[in-house]
Amino acid sequence: MAYSYLLSLGLCVLVLLHNSVAQIEQVTSRPSGQEKSQRQQRWQRDECQLNRINAVEPSRRFQSEAGLTEIWDENDQQFQCVGIVAMRHTIQAKGLLLPQYVNGPKLIYVVQGRGIQGAVIPGCPETYQSPSESQFTAGAGQSQRDQHQKVRQIREGDVIALPAGVAQWIYNNGRSPLVLVQIIDTSNPANQLDQNHRDFFLAGNPQREVQSQRGERSLRSQREREPGSRGSQTDRSGNIFRGIDEQMIAEAFNINTDLARKMRGENDNRGIIVSVVDDLEMLIPRRSQEEERQEQEAEAQRQLERSRGGRTRTNGVEETFCTARLRHNINNPSQTDIFNPRGGRVTNANSHNLPILRSLRLSIQKAVLYSNAIMTPHWNINAYSIRYFTRGSGRVQIVNENGNSVFDGQVKRDQMLTVPQNFVVITKANIEGLEWVSFKTNDRAQISQLAGRVSAIRSMPEEVLANAFQVSIDDARRLKDNRQEITVLSPGSRSRSRQ
């Protein structure tokens, strides 16, 4: 009897656990095959006829009280085809990027500086609480204890992943500017609206320039384009509370109408990055050396599992959205994926080491080329690549399916360049070296290399190469064996040394 009871109880627990996992997978799993992203639909309509690609800088910029925001041209065909919006924020010391959310997944790279980031995930508990010895208001007997969701310390080299519709804010608690480059994937299935990106601000009175200008070719005066211009009071898009009656706001929050009126922000001319008079005080746990060591060991274990072909754990019972890691650093040379002491290094953040990216369908790669080094010619198998150059300069060539060059030119810091899926790209650094990050539209983006130890050319028989290129067997052997390096090729030599 007792055995039957325990068996029934066990079955009930398994059913409940299965239902819980199913609910989580409904949030994080990929859409069904019938659901196609806007990017795929454009490809099928042959709208992406890219005969010329350019390395470009931001086309519009606007100044806020404590920082500068720059946006790349959404009407540029290379950005329209990939279906992303690229943006850069420069936040001055004690500057606060106001809370906002967007209509697509967002991937942020911290170019320089340090700060604090908070993401407000719906339904998650306020796990950060002030000490239990709370103070009380005079005569009211109400606790003054503050509670909020988790906040994260961010620094140069960090990647921050945000699902669509998740509100976030960022504060610069350092002494130097905090520079953030981000893409918003408006072609992602998570965006149920149109192709225009939409920034929904929870506070302030944001400039109209922050909103999408896709399809618009507005002519602005030079004064409005200069960083010192803040725009007029009428050139504002407003926060989400501006369109709600102040009496309704007062009733919803149980506050007076004066406070409700301030929430609407109609007379706020500070922009989307505002100055904080006194330093922000909030609960931020400091990482101990032991915690840092454990994190490094966990990363080493993930790398080992990947090298053995094993599957790393993805979001499930052990990691829900409330506890998921949203941040990963790709600047640490000791955690690089590919390293050539004479050529440079490559580091990836994908759904293997940052599982939240699985639901975003995005990943990012950091590449560092030393002086005159070469990134092997390759093509992206399953992703579009959006490169943002962070340091140095170099030459990039991109070739389409007809063997025509769609880009052949010099690139430099702060420029952005897109590399379409399957187009061949080769990159060589100038004497000062070259560094960039590549945002990719697949959480497990892969490349196929053309030169080096794991290249497509090396994998073919000598006889096939000899007949394909009309060369001798000796020349075919040289094509296969003269480069023994992987991905990053050292300069000026046909190195046979193994990495």
Protein backbone atom coordinates (compact mmCIF):
# COMPACT_ATOMS: atom_id res chain seq x y z
CA MET A 1 0.00 0.00 0.00
CA ALA A 2 2.78 2.36 0.99
CA TYR A 3 4.64 1.47 -2.21
CA SER A 4 1.61 2.33 -4.35
CA TYR A 5 1.20 5.65 -2.53
CA LEU A 6 4.87 6.58 -3.08
CA LEU A 7 4.64 5.55 -6.73
CA SER A 8 1.58 7.76 -7.26
CA LEU A 9 3.26 10.66 -5.47
CA GLY A 10 6.37 10.26 -7.63
CA LEU A 11 4.33 10.30 -10.82
CA CYS A 12 2.56 13.48 -9.71
CA VAL A 13 5.89 15.20 -9.04
CA LEU A 14 7.18 14.19 -12.48
CA VAL A 15 4.06 15.56 -14.15
CA LEU A 16 4.37 18.88 -12.30
CA LEU A 17 8.07 19.12 -13.16
CA HIS A 18 7.35 18.40 -16.83
CA ASN A 19 4.72 21.15 -16.93
CA SER A 20 7.13 23.62 -15.31
CA VAL A 21 9.86 22.87 -17.83
CA ALA A 22 7.33 23.14 -20.67
CA GLN A 23 6.32 26.63 -19.50
CA ILE A 24 9.95 27.73 -19.44
CA GLU A 25 10.57 26.27 -22.89
CA GLN A 26 7.58 28.17 -24.27
CA VAL A 27 9.43 31.37 -23.37
CA THR A 28 12.94 30.39 -24.43
CA SER A 29 12.44 27.93 -27.28
CA ARG A 30 12.75 28.84 -30.92
CA PRO A 31 9.61 29.59 -32.94
CA SER A 32 8.15 26.81 -35.05
CA GLY A 33 9.13 26.30 -38.64
CA GLN A 34 5.95 28.03 -39.80
CA GLU A 35 7.02 31.28 -38.16
CA LYS A 36 9.56 33.14 -40.28
CA SER A 37 11.50 36.21 -39.29
CA GLN A 38 11.16 39.40 -41.29
CA ARG A 39 14.79 38.90 -42.33
CA GLN A 40 13.99 35.54 -43.95
CA GLN A 41 10.94 37.02 -45.69
CA ARG A 42 13.05 39.80 -47.22
CA TRP A 43 15.61 37.30 -48.46
CA GLN A 44 12.86 35.28 -50.15
CA ARG A 45 11.51 38.43 -51.83
CA ASP A 46 15.01 39.16 -53.22
CA GLU A 47 15.04 42.59 -51.60
CA CYS A 48 18.68 42.30 -50.50
CA GLN A 49 20.58 43.06 -53.69
CA LEU A 50 23.88 44.14 -52.14
CA ASN A 51 26.16 45.27 -54.93
CA ARG A 52 28.02 47.79 -52.82
CA ILE A 53 28.74 47.87 -49.06
CA ASN A 54 30.34 50.77 -47.20
CA ALA A 55 32.12 51.14 -43.89
CA VAL A 56 30.09 53.89 -42.24
CA GLU A 57 29.94 56.05 -39.12
CA PRO A 58 26.76 57.17 -37.30
CA SER A 59 24.53 59.39 -39.44
CA ARG A 60 22.72 61.26 -36.69
CA ARG A 61 23.56 62.26 -33.14
CA PHE A 62 21.97 64.21 -30.34
CA GLN A 63 23.19 65.52 -27.03
CA SER A 64 21.60 64.90 -23.65
CA GLU A 65 22.42 66.50 -20.33
CA ALA A 66 25.05 63.88 -19.43
CA GLY A 67 25.94 62.15 -22.66
CA LEU A 68 25.75 61.70 -26.40
CA THR A 69 23.68 59.25 -28.47
CA GLU A 70 24.60 58.31 -32.06
CA ILE A 71 22.60 56.17 -34.50
CA TRP A 72 23.64 54.57 -37.77
CA ASP A 73 21.49 55.24 -40.85
CA GLU A 74 18.53 52.84 -40.81
CA ASN A 75 17.89 53.64 -44.48
CA ASP A 76 21.27 52.25 -45.49
CA GLN A 77 20.49 49.10 -47.48
CA GLN A 78 23.07 47.00 -45.65
CA PHE A 79 21.27 47.63 -42.34
CA GLN A 80 17.83 47.22 -43.87
CA CYS A 81 18.74 43.80 -45.24
CA VAL A 82 20.05 42.46 -41.96
CA GLY A 83 17.12 44.05 -40.11
CA ILE A 84 19.00 45.66 -37.23
CA VAL A 85 19.38 49.13 -35.75
CA ALA A 86 22.84 50.15 -34.48
CA MET A 87 23.32 52.75 -31.79
CA ARG A 88 26.11 54.12 -29.58
CA HIS A 89 25.74 55.81 -26.17
CA THR A 90 28.51 57.82 -24.52
CA ILE A 91 27.57 58.33 -20.86
CA GLN A 92 29.57 60.85 -18.84
CA ALA A 93 30.58 60.27 -15.21
CA LYS A 94 27.51 60.21 -12.93
CA GLY A 95 25.30 59.98 -16.00
CA LEU A 96 22.16 57.81 -16.00
CA LEU A 97 20.68 56.32 -19.17
CA LEU A 98 16.97 56.48 -18.37
CA PRO A 99 14.92 53.28 -18.01
CA GLN A 100 13.58 52.07 -21.37
CA TYR A 101 12.71 48.97 -23.35
CA VAL A 102 12.63 48.21 -27.07
CA ASN A 103 10.61 46.03 -29.44
CA GLY A 104 13.40 43.58 -30.28
CA PRO A 105 16.26 41.68 -28.62
CA LYS A 106 19.23 43.89 -27.79
CA LEU A 107 22.92 43.04 -27.62
CA ILE A 108 25.24 45.59 -25.99
CA TYR A 109 29.04 45.71 -26.03
CA VAL A 110 30.91 47.88 -23.51
CA VAL A 111 33.64 49.60 -25.53
CA GLN A 112 35.16 51.48 -22.60
CA GLY A 113 34.51 52.49 -19.01
CA ARG A 114 32.57 50.84 -16.23
CA GLY A 115 29.16 51.24 -14.68
CA ILE A 116 26.05 49.62 -13.25
CA GLN A 117 23.25 48.05 -15.26
CA GLY A 118 19.81 47.01 -14.14
CA ALA A 119 17.36 44.86 -16.10
CA VAL A 120 13.74 44.64 -14.94
CA ILE A 121 12.43 41.19 -15.84
CA PRO A 122 8.63 40.82 -15.43
CA GLY A 123 7.51 38.54 -12.64
CA CYS A 124 10.94 38.15 -11.04
CA PRO A 125 11.33 38.84 -7.30
CA GLU A 126 13.08 41.82 -5.76
CA THR A 127 16.03 39.85 -4.44
CA TYR A 128 18.16 42.86 -3.46
CA GLN A 129 17.00 44.25 -0.11
CA SER A 130 18.44 46.80 2.28
CA PRO A 131 19.45 45.64 5.81
CA SER A 132 16.67 44.29 8.03
CA GLU A 133 17.32 47.01 10.62
CA SER A 134 15.00 49.27 8.66
CA GLN A 135 14.20 52.81 9.61
CA PHE A 136 10.66 54.02 10.14
CA THR A 137 8.96 57.21 9.13
CA ALA A 138 7.98 59.49 11.95
CA GLY A 139 4.58 58.50 13.28
CA ALA A 140 3.80 56.32 10.28
CA GLY A 141 5.37 53.03 11.31
CA GLN A 142 6.09 52.16 7.67
CA SER A 143 9.35 50.56 6.63
CA GLN A 144 11.82 52.65 4.59
CA ARG A 145 13.62 49.57 3.34
CA ASP A 146 14.36 49.60 -0.39
CA GLN A 147 13.93 46.50 -2.52
CA HIS A 148 14.83 46.05 -6.17
CA GLN A 149 15.79 43.44 -8.73
CA LYS A 150 19.36 42.40 -9.37
CA VAL A 151 21.86 45.00 -10.61
CA ARG A 152 25.10 44.18 -12.39
CA GLN A 153 28.51 45.80 -12.50
CA ILE A 154 29.68 46.20 -16.09
CA ARG A 155 33.11 46.98 -17.51
CA GLU A 156 35.03 47.19 -20.76
CA GLY A 157 34.63 44.05 -22.82
CA ASP A 158 31.29 43.00 -21.32
CA VAL A 159 28.49 41.71 -23.53
CA ILE A 160 24.97 42.39 -22.20
CA ALA A 161 22.03 40.46 -23.61
CA LEU A 162 18.46 41.72 -23.24
CA PRO A 163 15.28 40.01 -24.48
CA ALA A 164 12.67 42.11 -26.26
CA GLY A 165 10.49 44.18 -23.94
CA VAL A 166 12.81 43.96 -20.91
CA ALA A 167 13.36 47.40 -19.38
CA GLN A 168 16.88 48.45 -18.46
CA TRP A 169 18.85 51.40 -17.12
CA ILE A 170 22.62 52.05 -17.03
CA TYR A 171 24.60 54.33 -14.70
CA ASN A 172 28.22 55.44 -15.06
CA ASN A 173 29.83 55.18 -11.62
CA GLY A 174 33.34 55.54 -13.02
CA ARG A 175 35.50 58.58 -13.64
CA SER A 176 35.74 58.27 -17.44
CA PRO A 177 33.05 58.12 -20.14
CA LEU A 178 31.14 54.84 -20.47
CA VAL A 179 30.79 53.94 -24.16
CA LEU A 180 28.21 51.35 -25.25
CA VAL A 181 27.58 50.03 -28.77
CA GLN A 182 24.37 48.08 -29.28
CA ILE A 183 22.27 46.46 -31.95
CA ILE A 184 18.50 45.94 -31.83
CA ASP A 185 17.29 43.01 -33.92
CA THR A 186 13.96 44.22 -35.26
CA SER A 187 13.76 41.24 -37.65
CA ASN A 188 13.67 38.81 -34.74
CA PRO A 189 10.42 36.81 -34.31
CA ALA A 190 10.12 38.36 -30.84
CA ASN A 191 9.21 41.65 -32.56
CA GLN A 192 5.52 41.41 -33.44
CA LEU A 193 5.45 44.99 -34.77
CA ASP A 194 6.85 46.34 -38.02
CA GLN A 195 10.48 46.86 -38.99
CA ASN A 196 10.81 50.20 -37.17
CA HIS A 197 12.61 50.11 -33.86
CA ARG A 198 10.74 51.70 -30.97
CA ASP A 199 12.26 52.95 -27.73
CA PHE A 200 9.71 53.04 -24.93
CA PHE A 201 11.02 55.27 -22.15
CA LEU A 202 9.65 54.93 -18.63
CA ALA A 203 10.88 58.39 -17.59
CA GLY A 204 12.10 61.70 -18.95
CA ASN A 205 11.19 63.48 -22.15
CA PRO A 206 13.31 61.80 -24.84
CA GLN A 207 14.31 63.49 -28.07
CA ARG A 208 12.37 62.47 -31.16
CA GLU A 209 15.65 61.51 -32.88
CA VAL A 210 15.91 58.38 -30.73
CA GLN A 211 12.93 56.84 -32.49
CA SER A 212 13.08 55.08 -35.84
CA GLN A 213 13.50 57.17 -38.97
CA ARG A 214 13.31 54.27 -41.38
CA GLY A 215 11.96 55.47 -44.72
CA GLU A 216 12.56 59.12 -43.81
CA ARG A 217 15.13 61.37 -45.44
CA SER A 218 14.56 64.40 -43.25
CA LEU A 219 16.77 67.41 -43.78
CA ARG A 220 18.12 68.87 -40.55
CA SER A 221 20.16 71.97 -40.10
CA GLN A 222 23.83 71.66 -39.25
CA ARG A 223 23.09 73.12 -35.82
CA GLU A 224 20.80 70.21 -34.94
CA ARG A 225 23.42 67.68 -36.04
CA GLU A 226 26.14 69.16 -33.84
CA PRO A 227 26.74 67.41 -30.50
CA GLY A 228 25.96 70.64 -28.59
CA SER A 229 22.40 70.85 -29.87
CA ARG A 230 19.62 69.63 -27.55
CA GLY A 231 16.70 70.31 -29.82
CA SER A 232 13.58 72.25 -29.01
CA GLN A 233 10.93 71.35 -26.46
CA THR A 234 8.47 70.46 -29.22
CA ASP A 235 10.92 68.03 -30.84
CA ARG A 236 10.25 65.37 -28.22
CA SER A 237 8.71 61.92 -28.34
CA GLY A 238 7.72 61.74 -24.65
CA ASN A 239 7.78 58.87 -22.18
CA ILE A 240 5.04 56.24 -21.88
CA PHE A 241 3.24 58.12 -19.09
CA ARG A 242 2.78 61.29 -21.14
CA GLY A 243 -0.16 59.81 -23.02
CA ILE A 244 -1.95 58.70 -19.84
CA ASP A 245 -4.23 61.08 -17.97
CA GLU A 246 -2.52 62.28 -14.79
CA GLN A 247 -5.58 61.43 -12.71
CA MET A 248 -5.41 57.86 -13.98
CA ILE A 249 -1.69 57.74 -13.08
CA ALA A 250 -2.46 59.07 -9.60
CA GLU A 251 -5.08 56.40 -9.03
CA ALA A 252 -2.92 53.59 -10.41
CA PHE A 253 0.05 54.43 -8.15
CA ASN A 254 -2.02 55.81 -5.23
CA ILE A 255 -0.18 59.13 -5.38
CA ASN A 256 -1.18 62.78 -5.70
CA THR A 257 -1.62 64.48 -9.07
CA ASP A 258 1.47 66.67 -8.62
CA LEU A 259 3.69 63.60 -8.51
CA ALA A 260 1.75 62.06 -11.40
CA ARG A 261 2.36 65.21 -13.42
CA LYS A 262 6.12 64.93 -12.80
CA MET A 263 6.08 61.34 -14.02
CA ARG A 264 4.79 62.56 -17.39
CA GLY A 265 8.03 64.58 -17.79
CA GLU A 266 6.55 67.21 -20.10
CA ASN A 267 8.89 69.98 -18.90
CA ASP A 268 11.99 67.80 -18.77
CA ASN A 269 14.66 69.00 -21.20
CA ARG A 270 17.52 66.78 -20.02
CA GLY A 271 17.28 64.18 -22.78
CA ILE A 272 17.70 60.42 -22.34
CA ILE A 273 21.01 60.56 -20.39
CA VAL A 274 20.67 62.66 -17.23
CA SER A 275 23.06 63.84 -14.54
CA VAL A 276 22.86 62.43 -11.03
CA VAL A 277 23.63 65.12 -8.45
CA ASP A 278 24.78 62.74 -5.73
CA ASP A 279 26.21 59.32 -6.50
CA LEU A 280 23.56 56.59 -6.73
CA GLU A 281 23.31 54.46 -3.62
CA MET A 282 22.06 50.91 -4.12
CA LEU A 283 22.84 47.39 -3.06
CA ILE A 284 25.69 45.97 -5.14
CA PRO A 285 27.44 42.85 -3.84
CA ARG A 286 31.19 42.82 -4.36
CA ARG A 287 32.73 39.74 -5.90
CA SER A 288 35.28 37.99 -3.73
CA GLN A 289 38.45 36.41 -5.12
CA GLU A 290 36.91 33.01 -4.44
CA GLU A 291 33.84 33.86 -6.53
CA GLU A 292 36.04 35.09 -9.37
CA ARG A 293 38.05 31.87 -9.19
CA GLN A 294 34.87 29.78 -9.30
CA GLU A 295 33.61 31.72 -12.31
CA GLN A 296 36.89 31.14 -14.15
CA GLU A 297 36.76 27.41 -13.34
CA ALA A 298 33.15 27.21 -14.58
CA GLU A 299 34.17 28.93 -17.82
CA ALA A 300 37.10 26.52 -18.20
CA GLN A 301 34.73 23.58 -17.74
CA ARG A 302 32.40 24.96 -20.43
CA GLN A 303 35.35 25.32 -22.79
CA LEU A 304 36.38 21.73 -22.08
CA GLU A 305 32.89 20.42 -22.79
CA ARG A 306 32.80 22.33 -26.07
CA SER A 307 36.22 21.00 -27.13
CA ARG A 308 35.03 17.44 -26.46
CA GLY A 309 31.89 17.98 -28.49
CA GLY A 310 29.65 17.77 -25.45
CA ARG A 311 26.47 19.77 -25.00
CA THR A 312 26.42 22.45 -22.37
CA ARG A 313 23.33 22.95 -20.31
CA THR A 314 20.81 25.45 -21.58
CA ASN A 315 18.08 27.33 -19.74
CA GLY A 316 15.83 24.91 -17.85
CA VAL A 317 14.98 24.17 -14.26
CA GLU A 318 18.47 25.19 -13.11
CA GLU A 319 18.40 28.55 -14.94
CA THR A 320 15.25 30.54 -15.62
CA PHE A 321 15.02 34.11 -16.88
CA CYS A 322 15.04 35.38 -13.28
CA THR A 323 18.43 33.80 -12.57
CA ALA A 324 19.89 33.76 -16.07
CA ARG A 325 23.24 35.42 -16.69
CA LEU A 326 22.83 38.46 -18.92
CA ARG A 327 26.51 39.47 -18.95
CA HIS A 328 29.70 37.87 -20.27
CA ASN A 329 33.15 39.38 -20.76
CA ILE A 330 35.04 38.72 -24.00
CA ASN A 331 38.11 40.88 -23.33
CA ASN A 332 40.00 38.47 -21.08
CA PRO A 333 42.93 37.03 -23.10
CA SER A 334 43.10 33.99 -20.79
CA GLN A 335 39.61 32.93 -21.91
CA THR A 336 40.10 33.38 -25.64
CA ASP A 337 38.95 30.64 -28.02
CA ILE A 338 41.72 30.98 -30.63
CA PHE A 339 45.16 32.45 -30.00
CA ASN A 340 48.18 32.96 -32.23
CA PRO A 341 51.08 34.66 -30.40
CA ARG A 342 52.21 36.26 -33.66
CA GLY A 343 48.79 36.97 -35.14
CA GLY A 344 46.15 37.76 -32.53
CA ARG A 345 43.13 36.16 -30.88
CA VAL A 346 39.40 35.51 -31.29
CA THR A 347 36.84 35.19 -28.47
CA ASN A 348 33.18 34.20 -28.83
CA ALA A 349 30.08 34.72 -26.73
CA ASN A 350 27.27 32.44 -27.88
CA SER A 351 24.58 30.19 -26.44
CA HIS A 352 27.25 27.74 -25.25
CA ASN A 353 28.77 30.13 -22.71
CA LEU A 354 25.89 32.63 -22.38
CA PRO A 355 22.68 30.52 -22.59
CA ILE A 356 20.30 33.51 -22.71
CA LEU A 357 21.52 34.12 -26.27
CA ARG A 358 19.68 31.00 -27.38
CA SER A 359 16.35 32.78 -27.01
CA LEU A 360 17.71 36.00 -28.55
CA ARG A 361 19.16 34.15 -31.58
CA LEU A 362 22.21 36.41 -31.41
CA SER A 363 25.91 36.05 -30.63
CA ILE A 364 29.04 38.19 -30.66
CA GLN A 365 32.71 37.72 -31.49
CA LYS A 366 35.75 39.78 -30.47
CA ALA A 367 38.72 39.75 -32.88
CA VAL A 368 42.17 41.20 -32.19
CA LEU A 369 44.72 41.29 -35.01
CA TYR A 370 48.30 42.25 -34.28
CA SER A 371 50.40 44.34 -36.66
CA ASN A 372 49.95 43.19 -40.28
CA ALA A 373 48.19 39.97 -39.25
CA ILE A 374 45.38 38.45 -41.32
CA MET A 375 42.00 36.99 -40.45
CA THR A 376 41.74 33.99 -42.73
CA PRO A 377 39.36 34.40 -45.68
CA HIS A 378 36.06 32.81 -44.69
CA TRP A 379 32.31 32.95 -45.03
CA ASN A 380 29.58 32.99 -42.39
CA ILE A 381 27.63 29.76 -42.77
CA ASN A 382 24.46 30.62 -40.88
CA ALA A 383 24.52 34.27 -39.88
CA TYR A 384 24.79 37.88 -40.94
CA SER A 385 27.77 39.67 -39.33
CA ILE A 386 27.78 43.31 -38.24
CA ARG A 387 31.30 44.51 -37.47
CA TYR A 388 32.09 47.46 -35.24
CA PHE A 389 35.76 48.46 -35.25
CA THR A 390 37.05 49.43 -31.82
CA ARG A 391 40.77 50.07 -32.37
CA GLY A 392 43.35 50.48 -35.12
CA SER A 393 42.86 50.26 -38.88
CA GLY A 394 43.13 47.77 -41.70
CA ARG A 395 41.92 46.58 -45.06
CA VAL A 396 38.77 44.51 -45.64
CA GLN A 397 37.58 42.83 -48.83
CA ILE A 398 34.10 41.28 -49.27
CA VAL A 399 33.15 39.20 -52.33
CA ASN A 400 29.68 38.10 -53.46
CA GLU A 401 28.48 34.93 -55.22
CA ASN A 402 29.54 36.25 -58.64
CA GLY A 403 33.13 36.81 -57.56
CA ASN A 404 32.57 40.57 -57.55
CA SER A 405 34.00 42.76 -54.81
CA VAL A 406 31.22 44.57 -52.93
CA PHE A 407 33.72 46.18 -50.55
CA ASP A 408 37.45 46.75 -50.82
CA GLY A 409 38.77 49.50 -48.63
CA GLN A 410 40.31 50.72 -45.42
CA VAL A 411 38.42 50.58 -42.13
CA LYS A 412 39.15 52.42 -38.92
CA ARG A 413 37.93 52.87 -35.35
CA ASP A 414 34.23 53.70 -34.79
CA GLN A 415 33.15 52.54 -38.24
CA MET A 416 30.58 49.80 -38.84
CA LEU A 417 30.44 47.31 -41.72
CA THR A 418 28.08 44.43 -42.48
CA VAL A 419 29.13 41.10 -43.95
CA PRO A 420 26.20 39.23 -45.57
CA GLN A 421 25.73 35.51 -45.00
CA ASN A 422 27.91 33.35 -47.32
CA PHE A 423 29.82 36.36 -48.72
CA VAL A 424 33.59 35.78 -48.47
CA VAL A 425 35.52 38.26 -46.30
CA ILE A 426 39.23 38.70 -45.67
CA THR A 427 40.76 41.21 -43.24
CA LYS A 428 44.34 42.44 -42.81
CA ALA A 429 45.49 44.76 -40.04
CA ASN A 430 47.68 47.77 -40.68
CA ILE A 431 50.88 48.33 -38.74
CA GLU A 432 49.03 49.53 -35.60
CA GLY A 433 46.82 46.43 -35.53
CA LEU A 434 43.03 46.13 -35.78
CA GLU A 435 40.29 45.15 -33.33
CA TRP A 436 36.55 44.72 -33.78
CA VAL A 437 33.44 43.04 -32.46
CA SER A 438 31.06 41.16 -34.75
CA PHE A 439 27.40 41.01 -33.82
CA LYS A 440 25.93 37.88 -35.45
CA THR A 441 22.32 36.94 -36.17
CA ASN A 442 22.62 33.37 -34.89
CA ASP A 443 23.28 32.19 -31.34
CA ARG A 444 25.62 29.48 -32.71
CA ALA A 445 27.15 31.29 -35.64
CA GLN A 446 29.70 29.30 -37.64
CA ILE A 447 32.29 30.19 -40.26
CA SER A 448 33.96 28.13 -43.00
CA GLN A 449 37.62 29.02 -43.48
CA LEU A 450 39.43 29.06 -46.81
CA ALA A 451 43.05 29.09 -45.63
CA GLY A 452 44.75 27.40 -42.72
CA ARG A 453 44.77 24.08 -40.91
CA VAL A 454 40.98 23.61 -40.68
CA SER A 455 40.07 25.20 -44.02
CA ALA A 456 37.87 23.94 -46.83
CA ILE A 457 40.86 23.96 -49.20
CA ARG A 458 42.97 21.80 -46.87
CA SER A 459 40.11 19.30 -46.50
CA MET A 460 40.02 18.54 -50.24
CA PRO A 461 42.18 15.91 -51.98
CA GLU A 462 45.24 17.16 -53.83
CA GLU A 463 43.95 15.75 -57.12
CA VAL A 464 40.71 17.69 -56.78
CA LEU A 465 42.59 20.96 -56.18
CA ALA A 466 45.04 20.30 -59.02
CA ASN A 467 42.22 19.82 -61.51
CA ALA A 468 40.00 22.57 -60.11
CA PHE A 469 42.73 25.26 -60.28
CA GLN A 470 44.64 23.74 -63.23
CA VAL A 471 47.84 23.50 -61.23
CA SER A 472 50.41 20.78 -60.53
CA ILE A 473 50.15 18.37 -57.63
CA ASP A 474 53.06 20.19 -55.96
CA ASP A 475 51.21 23.51 -56.17
CA ALA A 476 48.05 21.86 -54.85
CA ARG A 477 50.07 20.52 -51.93
CA ARG A 478 51.36 24.03 -51.22
CA LEU A 479 47.82 25.37 -51.18
CA LYS A 480 46.92 22.79 -48.56
CA ASP A 481 50.00 22.85 -46.35
CA ASN A 482 51.68 26.26 -46.47
CA ARG A 483 49.47 27.62 -43.69
CA GLN A 484 49.28 25.54 -40.51
CA GLU A 485 47.56 28.21 -38.41
CA ILE A 486 43.88 28.47 -37.49
CA THR A 487 41.68 31.54 -38.14
CA VAL A 488 44.35 34.14 -37.28
CA LEU A 489 47.32 34.12 -39.65
CA SER A 490 50.67 35.61 -38.68
CA PRO A 491 52.09 38.33 -40.95
CA GLY A 492 54.60 37.97 -43.73
CA SER A 493 55.34 34.25 -43.42
CA ARG A 494 54.03 30.89 -44.51
CA SER A 495 54.28 29.50 -41.04
CA ARG A 496 54.21 25.76 -40.55
CA SER A 497 54.39 25.96 -36.80
CA ARG A 498 51.53 24.44 -34.89
CA GLN A 499 49.63 26.55 -32.36
